Structures are given as structure tokens and as C-alpha cells.
Amino acid sequence: MVGLLNVGSLVLGLMALFLPIVNLMKENKYWVVLSMISISACGLSLCFQIFYTYHKVTVEDWGALMDTMYAVASVSAILLIVTMILNAVTLKVYRHRTAK
């Protein structure tokens, strides 16, 4: 069951990145909702990683933590930064379109 946290984190992270790209590729009147879902998916993805790390600490699997924490921290930061940039670009594009 705990292994599903990694799968869920991956799926939600990909969704967080995919939704703003869809917003940018095709005009969508629900862009605000999709952007909010994207940011929420990013947050949930990061939350799942925190829960997985908590589980590893609880079972005292220090080897797994030491082996994976650098990668987890790096990928989490990249996910957050790229999601925020894509949603900011979406906001700028759609605000410019609605201002006309």
C-alpha cells in the first residue's frame, strides 16, 4: 500500500506538468480551473513524497533514505519550479488574451 504513494506521486506530478501545457497548446475557457488542478496536483505529489519519507523513517530504513533523498529533493524542487513557471506563463497568456 505504501508503494502506491510513489506511483501516485508520479502520476500527480505528470498531471501537474501536463495540464498547463494543454492550456497553452489549445485555447480553453476553463484555463483557471485547469491551472488550479495543476497546482493542487503538484502539492499532492509533494505531499505523497513526504508521507513516503515519513514511512521510511518510521520503519527505520535509513539506507533507503540515504540513497534516495538527494534525488527525491532535486526532482521535487524541479517539479515545483516547472509547475509554477508553466502556470505563470498560462496566466500571462490568458490575461493578455482576455484584456483585448
C-alpha atoms as a PDB file:
ATOM      1  CA  MET A   1       0.000   0.000   0.000  1.00  0.00           C
ATOM      2  CA  VAL A   2       2.833   2.383   0.821  1.00  0.00           C
ATOM      3  CA  GLY A   3       4.387   1.718  -2.584  1.00  0.00           C
ATOM      4  CA  LEU A   4       1.345   3.332  -4.156  1.00  0.00           C
ATOM      5  CA  LEU A   5       2.499   6.653  -2.719  1.00  0.00           C
ATOM      6  CA  ASN A   6       5.357   6.704  -5.235  1.00  0.00           C
ATOM      7  CA  VAL A   7       3.056   5.761  -8.121  1.00  0.00           C
ATOM      8  CA  GLY A   8       0.505   8.373  -7.046  1.00  0.00           C
ATOM      9  CA  SER A   9       3.239  10.966  -6.713  1.00  0.00           C
ATOM     10  CA  LEU A  10       4.488  10.218 -10.218  1.00  0.00           C
ATOM     11  CA  VAL A  11       1.010  10.343 -11.775  1.00  0.00           C
ATOM     12  CA  LEU A  12       0.096  13.572  -9.992  1.00  0.00           C
ATOM     13  CA  GLY A  13       3.444  15.135 -10.885  1.00  0.00           C
ATOM     14  CA  LEU A  14       2.958  14.329 -14.558  1.00  0.00           C
ATOM     15  CA  MET A  15      -0.582  15.709 -14.400  1.00  0.00           C
ATOM     16  CA  ALA A  16       0.743  18.897 -12.788  1.00  0.00           C
ATOM     17  CA  LEU A  17       3.089  19.371 -15.733  1.00  0.00           C
ATOM     18  CA  PHE A  18       0.701  18.208 -18.455  1.00  0.00           C
ATOM     19  CA  LEU A  19      -2.308  20.431 -17.664  1.00  0.00           C
ATOM     20  CA  PRO A  20      -0.621  23.828 -18.199  1.00  0.00           C
ATOM     21  CA  ILE A  21       0.903  22.538 -21.435  1.00  0.00           C
ATOM     22  CA  VAL A  22      -2.599  21.589 -22.621  1.00  0.00           C
ATOM     23  CA  ASN A  23      -3.780  25.079 -21.631  1.00  0.00           C
ATOM     24  CA  LEU A  24      -1.019  26.656 -23.694  1.00  0.00           C
ATOM     25  CA  MET A  25      -1.497  24.434 -26.740  1.00  0.00           C
ATOM     26  CA  LYS A  26      -5.226  24.903 -27.152  1.00  0.00           C
ATOM     27  CA  GLU A  27      -7.486  27.751 -26.133  1.00  0.00           C
ATOM     28  CA  ASN A  28      -9.635  26.727 -23.213  1.00  0.00           C
ATOM     29  CA  LYS A  29     -12.274  28.723 -21.392  1.00  0.00           C
ATOM     30  CA  TYR A  30     -11.670  26.673 -18.219  1.00  0.00           C
ATOM     31  CA  TRP A  31      -7.982  27.575 -18.014  1.00  0.00           C
ATOM     32  CA  VAL A  32      -8.287  28.847 -14.429  1.00  0.00           C
ATOM     33  CA  VAL A  33      -9.758  25.549 -13.242  1.00  0.00           C
ATOM     34  CA  LEU A  34      -7.072  23.538 -15.037  1.00  0.00           C
ATOM     35  CA  SER A  35      -4.351  25.739 -13.557  1.00  0.00           C
ATOM     36  CA  MET A  36      -5.767  25.250 -10.074  1.00  0.00           C
ATOM     37  CA  ILE A  37      -5.929  21.488 -10.622  1.00  0.00           C
ATOM     38  CA  SER A  38      -2.319  21.570 -11.844  1.00  0.00           C
ATOM     39  CA  ILE A  39      -1.086  23.392  -8.745  1.00  0.00           C
ATOM     40  CA  SER A  40      -3.132  21.102  -6.499  1.00  0.00           C
ATOM     41  CA  ALA A  41      -1.723  18.011  -8.220  1.00  0.00           C
ATOM     42  CA  CYS A  42       1.783  19.346  -7.668  1.00  0.00           C
ATOM     43  CA  GLY A  43       1.050  19.895  -3.979  1.00  0.00           C
ATOM     44  CA  LEU A  44      -0.445  16.431  -3.571  1.00  0.00           C
ATOM     45  CA  SER A  45       2.502  14.881  -5.378  1.00  0.00           C
ATOM     46  CA  LEU A  46       4.920  16.538  -2.975  1.00  0.00           C
ATOM     47  CA  CYS A  47       2.710  15.548  -0.026  1.00  0.00           C
ATOM     48  CA  PHE A  48       2.802  11.909  -1.139  1.00  0.00           C
ATOM     49  CA  GLN A  49       6.605  12.072  -1.165  1.00  0.00           C
ATOM     50  CA  ILE A  50       6.603  13.487   2.370  1.00  0.00           C
ATOM     51  CA  PHE A  51       4.328  10.655   3.529  1.00  0.00           C
ATOM     52  CA  TYR A  52       6.609   8.099   1.853  1.00  0.00           C
ATOM     53  CA  THR A  53       9.649   9.611   3.568  1.00  0.00           C
ATOM     54  CA  TYR A  54       7.784   9.541   6.874  1.00  0.00           C
ATOM     55  CA  HIS A  55       7.056   5.850   6.328  1.00  0.00           C
ATOM     56  CA  LYS A  56      10.742   5.142   5.675  1.00  0.00           C
ATOM     57  CA  VAL A  57      11.682   6.983   8.883  1.00  0.00           C
ATOM     58  CA  THR A  58       9.022   5.069  10.829  1.00  0.00           C
ATOM     59  CA  VAL A  59      10.330   1.682   9.685  1.00  0.00           C
ATOM     60  CA  GLU A  60      13.897   2.963  10.147  1.00  0.00           C
ATOM     61  CA  ASP A  61      15.033   2.199   6.617  1.00  0.00           C
ATOM     62  CA  TRP A  62      17.982   4.584   6.808  1.00  0.00           C
ATOM     63  CA  GLY A  63      19.782   3.029   3.838  1.00  0.00           C
ATOM     64  CA  ALA A  64      16.864   3.731   1.502  1.00  0.00           C
ATOM     65  CA  LEU A  65      16.599   7.275   2.818  1.00  0.00           C
ATOM     66  CA  MET A  66      20.298   7.982   2.366  1.00  0.00           C
ATOM     67  CA  ASP A  67      20.268   6.510  -1.139  1.00  0.00           C
ATOM     68  CA  THR A  68      17.218   8.355  -2.441  1.00  0.00           C
ATOM     69  CA  MET A  69      16.851  11.667  -0.598  1.00  0.00           C
ATOM     70  CA  TYR A  70      19.083  13.690  -2.933  1.00  0.00           C
ATOM     71  CA  ALA A  71      17.139  12.553  -5.998  1.00  0.00           C
ATOM     72  CA  VAL A  72      13.756  12.999  -4.303  1.00  0.00           C
ATOM     73  CA  ALA A  73      14.634  16.513  -3.125  1.00  0.00           C
ATOM     74  CA  SER A  74      16.011  17.525  -6.532  1.00  0.00           C
ATOM     75  CA  VAL A  75      13.077  16.167  -8.527  1.00  0.00           C
ATOM     76  CA  SER A  76      10.585  17.683  -6.082  1.00  0.00           C
ATOM     77  CA  ALA A  77      12.187  21.109  -6.448  1.00  0.00           C
ATOM     78  CA  ILE A  78      12.228  20.801 -10.243  1.00  0.00           C
ATOM     79  CA  LEU A  79       8.565  19.727 -10.272  1.00  0.00           C
ATOM     80  CA  LEU A  80       7.546  22.694  -8.140  1.00  0.00           C
ATOM     81  CA  ILE A  81       9.567  25.234 -10.127  1.00  0.00           C
ATOM     82  CA  VAL A  82       8.473  23.994 -13.563  1.00  0.00           C
ATOM     83  CA  THR A  83       4.806  23.757 -12.492  1.00  0.00           C
ATOM     84  CA  MET A  84       4.861  27.311 -11.165  1.00  0.00           C
ATOM     85  CA  ILE A  85       6.588  28.634 -14.307  1.00  0.00           C
ATOM     86  CA  LEU A  86       4.150  26.871 -16.651  1.00  0.00           C
ATOM     87  CA  ASN A  87       1.147  28.148 -14.704  1.00  0.00           C
ATOM     88  CA  ALA A  88       2.595  31.673 -14.604  1.00  0.00           C
ATOM     89  CA  VAL A  89       3.070  31.590 -18.388  1.00  0.00           C
ATOM     90  CA  THR A  90      -0.502  30.324 -18.762  1.00  0.00           C
ATOM     91  CA  LEU A  91      -1.743  33.187 -16.581  1.00  0.00           C
ATOM     92  CA  LYS A  92       0.191  35.729 -18.607  1.00  0.00           C
ATOM     93  CA  VAL A  93      -1.023  34.338 -21.954  1.00  0.00           C
ATOM     94  CA  TYR A  94      -4.677  34.166 -20.959  1.00  0.00           C
ATOM     95  CA  ARG A  95      -4.692  37.520 -19.190  1.00  0.00           C
ATOM     96  CA  HIS A  96      -3.287  39.061 -22.355  1.00  0.00           C
ATOM     97  CA  ARG A  97      -5.980  37.330 -24.457  1.00  0.00           C
ATOM     98  CA  THR A  98      -8.828  38.440 -22.197  1.00  0.00           C
ATOM     99  CA  ALA A  99      -7.506  42.015 -21.952  1.00  0.00           C
ATOM    100  CA  LYS A 100      -8.014  42.587 -25.678  1.00  0.00           C
END
